Protein backbone atom coordinates (compact mmCIF):
# COMPACT_ATOMS: atom_id res chain seq x y z
CA MET A 1 0.00 0.00 0.00
CA ARG A 2 1.32 3.43 -0.97
CA ASN A 3 1.37 6.40 1.40
CA LEU A 4 0.27 9.75 0.00
CA SER A 5 2.64 12.65 0.34
CA ASP A 6 1.29 15.82 1.97
CA LEU A 7 1.06 17.50 -1.44
CA GLU A 8 -0.85 14.60 -2.99
CA ALA A 9 -3.25 14.35 -0.05
CA ASN A 10 -3.83 18.10 -0.04
CA SER A 11 -4.34 18.29 -3.82
CA MET A 12 -7.14 15.73 -3.63
CA CYS A 13 -9.34 18.42 -2.05
CA ASN A 14 -8.39 21.16 -4.51
CA THR A 15 -9.27 21.90 -8.11
CA PHE A 16 -6.75 21.35 -10.91
CA ASP A 17 -6.56 24.02 -13.64
CA TYR A 18 -5.90 22.19 -16.91
CA ASP A 19 -5.10 25.41 -18.79
CA ASP A 20 -2.35 26.59 -16.42
CA GLY A 21 -1.31 23.26 -14.94
CA ASP A 22 -1.70 24.46 -11.36
CA PHE A 23 -4.11 24.02 -8.45
CA ILE A 24 -6.91 26.31 -7.29
CA PHE A 25 -7.31 26.51 -3.52
CA LYS A 26 -10.88 27.31 -2.53
CA THR A 27 -11.32 30.46 -0.41
CA SER A 28 -15.15 30.53 -0.43
CA ASP A 29 -18.02 28.77 -2.21
CA ASN A 30 -17.31 30.41 -5.57
CA MET A 31 -13.86 31.97 -5.20
CA GLY A 32 -10.35 30.59 -5.03
CA MET A 33 -6.68 31.44 -5.41
CA ASP A 34 -4.46 29.46 -7.75
CA SER A 35 -0.88 28.47 -6.97
CA ASP A 36 0.38 31.43 -9.05
CA GLY A 37 -1.58 33.88 -6.86
CA ASN A 38 -4.39 34.61 -9.37
CA MET A 39 -7.92 35.08 -8.02
CA MET A 40 -10.32 32.62 -9.67
CA MET A 41 -14.14 32.61 -9.69
CA ARG A 42 -16.17 29.46 -10.24
CA MET A 43 -18.36 29.71 -13.33
CA GLY A 44 -19.60 26.11 -13.31
CA ASP A 45 -18.56 22.64 -12.17
CA ASN A 46 -15.67 22.48 -14.66
CA MET A 47 -15.03 26.14 -15.48
CA ALA A 48 -13.42 29.04 -13.63
CA MET A 49 -12.59 32.61 -14.63
CA ASP A 50 -9.29 34.33 -13.89
CA MET A 51 -10.41 37.58 -12.26
CA ASP A 52 -7.30 39.47 -13.44
CA SER A 53 -7.36 38.55 -17.14
CA GLY A 54 -10.99 37.52 -17.63
CA GLU A 55 -9.88 34.25 -19.26
CA LEU A 56 -11.99 31.13 -18.81
CA HIS A 57 -10.17 28.00 -17.64
CA MET A 58 -11.19 24.36 -17.78
CA VAL A 59 -10.81 22.81 -14.32
CA SER A 60 -11.09 19.31 -12.87
CA GLY A 61 -14.18 20.11 -10.85
CA TRP A 62 -15.05 22.47 -8.06
CA HIS A 63 -15.95 20.64 -4.85
CA ASP A 64 -19.16 22.06 -3.45
CA ASP A 65 -19.62 21.63 0.31
CA GLU A 66 -23.39 22.04 -0.08
CA GLU A 67 -23.52 18.78 -2.06
CA ASP A 68 -22.46 16.94 1.09
CA ASP A 69 -25.57 17.98 3.06
């Protein structure tokens, strides 16, 4: 059995940005900060917008805490 590193375990709860190749760390229900420091806003389950450039990014999925209720 393989042990997960801290980075791997932590990244399982975050969203992966396929366009930039980095992770988005959720700061609220619809907002997050990527690993480059860009503010991102959730547009849908698999789409986020870079608030600085206005570009749309394809993402792995945005975990929604409300779905767990």
